[in-house]
């Protein structure tokens, strides 16, 4: 099970880094949070594991909207 989690962490990290390099530069700095949502996703997946990290990332992305004030929100 640990090796499956490790493989998923590597795969998800690759996908997020690819997004940061290829898509994010064209979108500009729009995230209202620090760290940005993609950096938060990377940190949460690497520190909490694939399943919990994806859950935290989705929760964070859903908060990234005009109705939420944003601000400093590190992975806890």
PDB file of N, CA and C in Angstrom:
ATOM      1  N   UNK A   1       0.822  -1.194   0.000  1.00  0.00           N
ATOM      2  CA  UNK A   1       0.000   0.000   0.000  1.00  0.00           C
ATOM      3  C   UNK A   1       0.867   1.260   0.000  1.00  0.00           C
ATOM      4  N   UNK A   2       1.997   1.199   0.736  1.00  0.00           N
ATOM      5  CA  UNK A   2       2.884   2.358   0.772  1.00  0.00           C
ATOM      6  C   UNK A   2       3.460   2.671  -0.598  1.00  0.00           C
ATOM      7  N   UNK A   3       3.797   1.639  -1.351  1.00  0.00           N
ATOM      8  CA  UNK A   3       4.378   1.868  -2.676  1.00  0.00           C
ATOM      9  C   UNK A   3       3.346   2.448  -3.637  1.00  0.00           C
ATOM     10  N   UNK A   4       2.073   2.065  -3.489  1.00  0.00           N
ATOM     11  CA  UNK A   4       1.009   2.637  -4.317  1.00  0.00           C
ATOM     12  C   UNK A   4       0.841   4.115  -3.996  1.00  0.00           C
ATOM     13  N   UNK A   5       0.830   4.457  -2.696  1.00  0.00           N
ATOM     14  CA  UNK A   5       0.717   5.855  -2.293  1.00  0.00           C
ATOM     15  C   UNK A   5       1.893   6.658  -2.834  1.00  0.00           C
ATOM     16  N   UNK A   6       3.088   6.104  -2.723  1.00  0.00           N
ATOM     17  CA  UNK A   6       4.296   6.792  -3.210  1.00  0.00           C
ATOM     18  C   UNK A   6       4.217   7.025  -4.714  1.00  0.00           C
ATOM     19  N   UNK A   7       3.743   6.027  -5.445  1.00  0.00           N
ATOM     20  CA  UNK A   7       3.601   6.166  -6.898  1.00  0.00           C
ATOM     21  C   UNK A   7       2.575   7.244  -7.246  1.00  0.00           C
ATOM     22  N   UNK A   8       1.471   7.283  -6.500  1.00  0.00           N
ATOM     23  CA  UNK A   8       0.451   8.310  -6.743  1.00  0.00           C
ATOM     24  C   UNK A   8       0.978   9.705  -6.413  1.00  0.00           C
ATOM     25  N   UNK A   9       1.744   9.818  -5.340  1.00  0.00           N
ATOM     26  CA  UNK A   9       2.342  11.109  -4.977  1.00  0.00           C
ATOM     27  C   UNK A   9       3.260  11.589  -6.095  1.00  0.00           C
ATOM     28  N   UNK A  10       4.074  10.704  -6.630  1.00  0.00           N
ATOM     29  CA  UNK A  10       4.986  11.075  -7.720  1.00  0.00           C
ATOM     30  C   UNK A  10       4.200  11.479  -8.960  1.00  0.00           C
ATOM     31  N   UNK A  11       3.175  10.706  -9.316  1.00  0.00           N
ATOM     32  CA  UNK A  11       2.359  11.015 -10.490  1.00  0.00           C
ATOM     33  C   UNK A  11       1.635  12.348 -10.334  1.00  0.00           C
ATOM     34  N   UNK A  12       0.996  12.557  -9.189  1.00  0.00           N
ATOM     35  CA  UNK A  12       0.267  13.807  -8.957  1.00  0.00           C
ATOM     36  C   UNK A  12       1.216  15.004  -8.918  1.00  0.00           C
ATOM     37  N   UNK A  13       2.382  14.829  -8.319  1.00  0.00           N
ATOM     38  CA  UNK A  13       3.372  15.909  -8.286  1.00  0.00           C
ATOM     39  C   UNK A  13       3.813  16.276  -9.698  1.00  0.00           C
ATOM     40  N   UNK A  14       4.015  15.277 -10.542  1.00  0.00           N
ATOM     41  CA  UNK A  14       4.387  15.523 -11.937  1.00  0.00           C
ATOM     42  C   UNK A  14       3.285  16.289 -12.670  1.00  0.00           C
ATOM     43  N   UNK A  15       2.040  15.908 -12.460  1.00  0.00           N
ATOM     44  CA  UNK A  15       0.911  16.587 -13.115  1.00  0.00           C
ATOM     45  C   UNK A  15       0.824  18.041 -12.667  1.00  0.00           C
ATOM     46  N   UNK A  16       0.952  18.284 -11.368  1.00  0.00           N
ATOM     47  CA  UNK A  16       0.864  19.655 -10.846  1.00  0.00           C
ATOM     48  C   UNK A  16       2.036  20.498 -11.339  1.00  0.00           C
ATOM     49  N   UNK A  17       3.251  19.941 -11.302  1.00  0.00           N
ATOM     50  CA  UNK A  17       4.421  20.689 -11.795  1.00  0.00           C
ATOM     51  C   UNK A  17       4.281  20.987 -13.283  1.00  0.00           C
ATOM     52  N   UNK A  18       3.743  20.048 -14.052  1.00  0.00           N
ATOM     53  CA  UNK A  18       3.517  20.279 -15.484  1.00  0.00           C
ATOM     54  C   UNK A  18       2.538  21.425 -15.688  1.00  0.00           C
ATOM     55  N   UNK A  19       1.480  21.451 -14.884  1.00  0.00           N
ATOM     56  CA  UNK A  19       0.514  22.554 -14.936  1.00  0.00           C
ATOM     57  C   UNK A  19       1.205  23.879 -14.610  1.00  0.00           C
ATOM     58  N   UNK A  20       2.028  23.896 -13.560  1.00  0.00           N
ATOM     59  CA  UNK A  20       2.702  25.126 -13.156  1.00  0.00           C
ATOM     60  C   UNK A  20       3.621  25.661 -14.247  1.00  0.00           C
ATOM     61  N   UNK A  21       4.248  24.776 -14.994  1.00  0.00           N
ATOM     62  CA  UNK A  21       5.198  25.188 -16.027  1.00  0.00           C
ATOM     63  C   UNK A  21       4.507  25.531 -17.343  1.00  0.00           C
ATOM     64  N   UNK A  22       3.478  24.780 -17.703  1.00  0.00           N
ATOM     65  CA  UNK A  22       2.898  24.938 -19.043  1.00  0.00           C
ATOM     66  C   UNK A  22       1.624  25.769 -19.100  1.00  0.00           C
ATOM     67  N   UNK A  23       0.803  25.759 -18.075  1.00  0.00           N
ATOM     68  CA  UNK A  23      -0.486  26.463 -18.120  1.00  0.00           C
ATOM     69  C   UNK A  23      -0.478  27.721 -17.256  1.00  0.00           C
ATOM     70  N   UNK A  24      -0.013  27.599 -16.042  1.00  0.00           N
ATOM     71  CA  UNK A  24      -0.067  28.693 -15.077  1.00  0.00           C
ATOM     72  C   UNK A  24       0.556  30.009 -15.558  1.00  0.00           C
ATOM     73  N   UNK A  25       1.692  29.996 -16.267  1.00  0.00           N
ATOM     74  CA  UNK A  25       2.263  31.271 -16.718  1.00  0.00           C
ATOM     75  C   UNK A  25       1.328  32.077 -17.628  1.00  0.00           C
ATOM     76  N   UNK A  26       0.463  31.397 -18.355  1.00  0.00           N
ATOM     77  CA  UNK A  26      -0.464  32.088 -19.252  1.00  0.00           C
ATOM     78  C   UNK A  26      -1.695  32.619 -18.521  1.00  0.00           C
ATOM     79  N   UNK A  27      -1.977  32.107 -17.326  1.00  0.00           N
ATOM     80  CA  UNK A  27      -3.147  32.539 -16.566  1.00  0.00           C
ATOM     81  C   UNK A  27      -2.842  33.723 -15.657  1.00  0.00           C
ATOM     82  N   UNK A  28      -1.588  33.910 -15.311  1.00  0.00           N
ATOM     83  CA  UNK A  28      -1.207  35.008 -14.426  1.00  0.00           C
ATOM     84  C   UNK A  28      -1.419  34.647 -12.959  1.00  0.00           C
ATOM     85  N   UNK A  29      -1.142  35.602 -12.087  1.00  0.00           N
ATOM     86  CA  UNK A  29      -1.259  35.411 -10.642  1.00  0.00           C
ATOM     87  C   UNK A  29      -2.678  35.751 -10.198  1.00  0.00           C
ATOM     88  N   UNK A  30      -3.552  34.766 -10.179  1.00  0.00           N
ATOM     89  CA  UNK A  30      -4.953  35.000  -9.832  1.00  0.00           C
ATOM     90  C   UNK A  30      -5.367  34.410  -8.496  1.00  0.00           C
ATOM     91  N   UNK A  31      -4.532  33.605  -7.900  1.00  0.00           N
ATOM     92  CA  UNK A  31      -4.910  32.935  -6.661  1.00  0.00           C
ATOM     93  C   UNK A  31      -4.934  33.940  -5.513  1.00  0.00           C
ATOM     94  N   UNK A  32      -5.980  33.880  -4.727  1.00  0.00           N
ATOM     95  CA  UNK A  32      -6.123  34.813  -3.606  1.00  0.00           C
ATOM     96  C   UNK A  32      -5.465  34.293  -2.332  1.00  0.00           C
ATOM     97  N   UNK A  33      -4.841  33.138  -2.421  1.00  0.00           N
ATOM     98  CA  UNK A  33      -4.209  32.528  -1.259  1.00  0.00           C
ATOM     99  C   UNK A  33      -2.691  32.549  -1.368  1.00  0.00           C
ATOM    100  N   UNK A  34      -2.043  32.445  -0.213  1.00  0.00           N
ATOM    101  CA  UNK A  34      -0.606  32.253  -0.129  1.00  0.00           C
ATOM    102  C   UNK A  34      -0.384  31.033   0.757  1.00  0.00           C
ATOM    103  N   UNK A  35       0.218  29.989   0.284  1.00  0.00           N
ATOM    104  CA  UNK A  35       0.752  29.740  -1.050  1.00  0.00           C
ATOM    105  C   UNK A  35      -0.363  29.550  -2.076  1.00  0.00           C
ATOM    106  N   UNK A  36       0.012  29.650  -3.350  1.00  0.00           N
ATOM    107  CA  UNK A  36      -0.975  29.483  -4.418  1.00  0.00           C
ATOM    108  C   UNK A  36      -1.616  28.096  -4.315  1.00  0.00           C
ATOM    109  N   UNK A  37      -2.747  27.934  -4.962  1.00  0.00           N
ATOM    110  CA  UNK A  37      -3.469  26.655  -4.880  1.00  0.00           C
ATOM    111  C   UNK A  37      -2.634  25.489  -5.406  1.00  0.00           C
ATOM    112  N   UNK A  38      -1.870  25.714  -6.469  1.00  0.00           N
ATOM    113  CA  UNK A  38      -1.058  24.606  -6.989  1.00  0.00           C
ATOM    114  C   UNK A  38       0.099  24.276  -6.043  1.00  0.00           C
ATOM    115  N   UNK A  39       0.702  25.285  -5.433  1.00  0.00           N
ATOM    116  CA  UNK A  39       1.760  25.013  -4.447  1.00  0.00           C
ATOM    117  C   UNK A  39       1.182  24.350  -3.198  1.00  0.00           C
ATOM    118  N   UNK A  40      -0.018  24.749  -2.812  1.00  0.00           N
ATOM    119  CA  UNK A  40      -0.708  24.116  -1.687  1.00  0.00           C
ATOM    120  C   UNK A  40      -0.973  22.648  -2.001  1.00  0.00           C
ATOM    121  N   UNK A  41      -1.437  22.376  -3.223  1.00  0.00           N
ATOM    122  CA  UNK A  41      -1.716  20.998  -3.630  1.00  0.00           C
ATOM    123  C   UNK A  41      -0.446  20.155  -3.573  1.00  0.00           C
ATOM    124  N   UNK A  42       0.649  20.690  -4.085  1.00  0.00           N
ATOM    125  CA  UNK A  42       1.930  19.967  -4.026  1.00  0.00           C
ATOM    126  C   UNK A  42       2.319  19.658  -2.584  1.00  0.00           C
ATOM    127  N   UNK A  43       2.250  20.664  -1.731  1.00  0.00           N
ATOM    128  CA  UNK A  43       2.648  20.484  -0.332  1.00  0.00           C
ATOM    129  C   UNK A  43       1.730  19.500   0.384  1.00  0.00           C
ATOM    130  N   UNK A  44       0.428  19.604   0.153  1.00  0.00           N
ATOM    131  CA  UNK A  44      -0.500  18.713   0.853  1.00  0.00           C
ATOM    132  C   UNK A  44      -0.337  17.267   0.399  1.00  0.00           C
ATOM    133  N   UNK A  45      -0.127  17.053  -0.885  1.00  0.00           N
ATOM    134  CA  UNK A  45       0.056  15.692  -1.397  1.00  0.00           C
ATOM    135  C   UNK A  45       1.366  15.101  -0.891  1.00  0.00           C
ATOM    136  N   UNK A  46       2.409  15.903  -0.850  1.00  0.00           N
ATOM    137  CA  UNK A  46       3.717  15.402  -0.404  1.00  0.00           C
ATOM    138  C   UNK A  46       3.773  15.163   1.102  1.00  0.00           C
ATOM    139  N   UNK A  47       3.042  15.958   1.890  1.00  0.00           N
ATOM    140  CA  UNK A  47       3.114  15.800   3.343  1.00  0.00           C
ATOM    141  C   UNK A  47       2.025  14.902   3.913  1.00  0.00           C
ATOM    142  N   UNK A  48       0.855  14.888   3.304  1.00  0.00           N
ATOM    143  CA  UNK A  48      -0.278  14.124   3.842  1.00  0.00           C
ATOM    144  C   UNK A  48      -0.562  12.829   3.096  1.00  0.00           C
ATOM    145  N   UNK A  49       0.084  12.634   1.946  1.00  0.00           N
ATOM    146  CA  UNK A  49      -0.190  11.451   1.142  1.00  0.00           C
ATOM    147  C   UNK A  49      -1.178  11.780   0.033  1.00  0.00           C
ATOM    148  N   UNK A  50      -1.341  10.846  -0.887  1.00  0.00           N
ATOM    149  CA  UNK A  50      -2.140  11.099  -2.085  1.00  0.00           C
ATOM    150  C   UNK A  50      -3.616  11.339  -1.763  1.00  0.00           C
ATOM    151  N   UNK A  51      -4.239  10.462  -0.997  1.00  0.00           N
ATOM    152  CA  UNK A  51      -5.679  10.555  -0.757  1.00  0.00           C
ATOM    153  C   UNK A  51      -6.051  11.806   0.031  1.00  0.00           C
ATOM    154  N   UNK A  52      -5.427  12.009   1.173  1.00  0.00           N
ATOM    155  CA  UNK A  52      -5.721  13.186   2.000  1.00  0.00           C
ATOM    156  C   UNK A  52      -5.291  14.457   1.277  1.00  0.00           C
ATOM    157  N   UNK A  53      -4.156  14.410   0.601  1.00  0.00           N
ATOM    158  CA  UNK A  53      -3.669  15.577  -0.131  1.00  0.00           C
ATOM    159  C   UNK A  53      -4.615  16.022  -1.227  1.00  0.00           C
ATOM    160  N   UNK A  54      -5.170  15.068  -1.974  1.00  0.00           N
ATOM    161  CA  UNK A  54      -6.142  15.412  -3.020  1.00  0.00           C
ATOM    162  C   UNK A  54      -7.396  16.004  -2.390  1.00  0.00           C
ATOM    163  N   UNK A  55      -7.874  15.425  -1.288  1.00  0.00           N
ATOM    164  CA  UNK A  55      -9.047  15.963  -0.595  1.00  0.00           C
ATOM    165  C   UNK A  55      -8.805  17.403  -0.150  1.00  0.00           C
ATOM    166  N   UNK A  56      -7.657  17.663   0.486  1.00  0.00           N
ATOM    167  CA  UNK A  56      -7.335  19.020   0.939  1.00  0.00           C
ATOM    168  C   UNK A  56      -7.200  19.983  -0.239  1.00  0.00           C
ATOM    169  N   UNK A  57      -6.640  19.517  -1.335  1.00  0.00           N
ATOM    170  CA  UNK A  57      -6.464  20.359  -2.521  1.00  0.00           C
ATOM    171  C   UNK A  57      -7.806  20.749  -3.124  1.00  0.00           C
ATOM    172  N   UNK A  58      -8.709  19.793  -3.231  1.00  0.00           N
ATOM    173  CA  UNK A  58     -10.042  20.085  -3.774  1.00  0.00           C
ATOM    174  C   UNK A  58     -10.777  21.057  -2.862  1.00  0.00           C
ATOM    175  N   UNK A  59     -10.679  20.830  -1.557  1.00  0.00           N
ATOM    176  CA  UNK A  59     -11.311  21.732  -0.586  1.00  0.00           C
ATOM    177  C   UNK A  59     -10.777  23.156  -0.745  1.00  0.00           C
ATOM    178  N   UNK A  60      -9.474  23.277  -0.925  1.00  0.00           N
ATOM    179  CA  UNK A  60      -8.834  24.584  -1.096  1.00  0.00           C
ATOM    180  C   UNK A  60      -9.268  25.253  -2.396  1.00  0.00           C
ATOM    181  N   UNK A  61      -9.295  24.504  -3.498  1.00  0.00           N
ATOM    182  CA  UNK A  61      -9.684  25.063  -4.794  1.00  0.00           C
ATOM    183  C   UNK A  61     -11.129  25.555  -4.748  1.00  0.00           C
ATOM    184  N   UNK A  62     -11.992  24.846  -4.038  1.00  0.00           N
ATOM    185  CA  UNK A  62     -13.385  25.281  -3.914  1.00  0.00           C
ATOM    186  C   UNK A  62     -13.502  26.583  -3.120  1.00  0.00           C
ATOM    187  N   UNK A  63     -12.554  26.844  -2.218  1.00  0.00           N
ATOM    188  CA  UNK A  63     -12.554  28.102  -1.458  1.00  0.00           C
ATOM    189  C   UNK A  63     -11.992  29.271  -2.262  1.00  0.00           C
ATOM    190  N   UNK A  64     -11.308  28.993  -3.354  1.00  0.00           N
ATOM    191  CA  UNK A  64     -10.659  30.039  -4.149  1.00  0.00           C
ATOM    192  C   UNK A  64     -11.688  30.673  -5.086  1.00  0.00           C
ATOM    193  N   UNK A  65     -12.478  31.582  -4.524  1.00  0.00           N
ATOM    194  CA  UNK A  65     -13.518  32.266  -5.288  1.00  0.00           C
ATOM    195  C   UNK A  65     -13.725  33.662  -4.713  1.00  0.00           C
ATOM    196  N   UNK A  66     -14.455  34.519  -5.404  1.00  0.00           N
ATOM    197  CA  UNK A  66     -14.631  35.902  -4.941  1.00  0.00           C
ATOM    198  C   UNK A  66     -15.339  36.039  -3.593  1.00  0.00           C
ATOM    199  N   UNK A  67     -16.029  35.016  -3.133  1.00  0.00           N
ATOM    200  CA  UNK A  67     -16.746  35.102  -1.863  1.00  0.00           C
ATOM    201  C   UNK A  67     -15.860  34.813  -0.655  1.00  0.00           C
ATOM    202  N   UNK A  68     -14.661  34.315  -0.894  1.00  0.00           N
ATOM    203  CA  UNK A  68     -13.730  33.996   0.195  1.00  0.00           C
ATOM    204  C   UNK A  68     -12.606  35.026   0.201  1.00  0.00           C
ATOM    205  N   UNK A  69     -12.242  35.548   1.391  1.00  0.00           N
ATOM    206  CA  UNK A  69     -11.216  36.598   1.433  1.00  0.00           C
ATOM    207  C   UNK A  69      -9.807  36.127   1.075  1.00  0.00           C
ATOM    208  N   UNK A  70      -9.528  34.833   1.158  1.00  0.00           N
ATOM    209  CA  UNK A  70      -8.181  34.347   0.848  1.00  0.00           C
ATOM    210  C   UNK A  70      -7.233  34.601   1.999  1.00  0.00           C
ATOM    211  N   UNK A  71      -5.963  34.870   1.683  1.00  0.00           N
ATOM    212  CA  UNK A  71      -4.953  35.133   2.698  1.00  0.00           C
ATOM    213  C   UNK A  71      -3.985  33.978   2.858  1.00  0.00           C
ATOM    214  N   UNK A  72      -3.248  34.006   3.962  1.00  0.00           N
ATOM    215  CA  UNK A  72      -2.236  32.976   4.231  1.00  0.00           C
ATOM    216  C   UNK A  72      -2.929  31.714   4.741  1.00  0.00           C
ATOM    217  N   UNK A  73      -2.718  30.603   4.056  1.00  0.00           N
ATOM    218  CA  UNK A  73      -3.390  29.345   4.391  1.00  0.00           C
ATOM    219  C   UNK A  73      -2.455  28.173   4.106  1.00  0.00           C
ATOM    220  N   UNK A  74      -1.485  27.928   4.997  1.00  0.00           N
ATOM    221  CA  UNK A  74      -0.548  26.825   4.760  1.00  0.00           C
ATOM    222  C   UNK A  74      -1.198  25.469   5.033  1.00  0.00           C
ATOM    223  N   UNK A  75      -0.554  24.420   4.579  1.00  0.00           N
ATOM    224  CA  UNK A  75      -1.015  23.059   4.857  1.00  0.00           C
ATOM    225  C   UNK A  75      -0.829  22.792   6.342  1.00  0.00           C
ATOM    226  N   UNK A  76      -1.867  22.285   6.985  1.00  0.00           N
ATOM    227  CA  UNK A  76      -1.792  22.015   8.432  1.00  0.00           C
ATOM    228  C   UNK A  76      -1.750  20.536   8.679  1.00  0.00           C
TER     229      UNK A  76
END
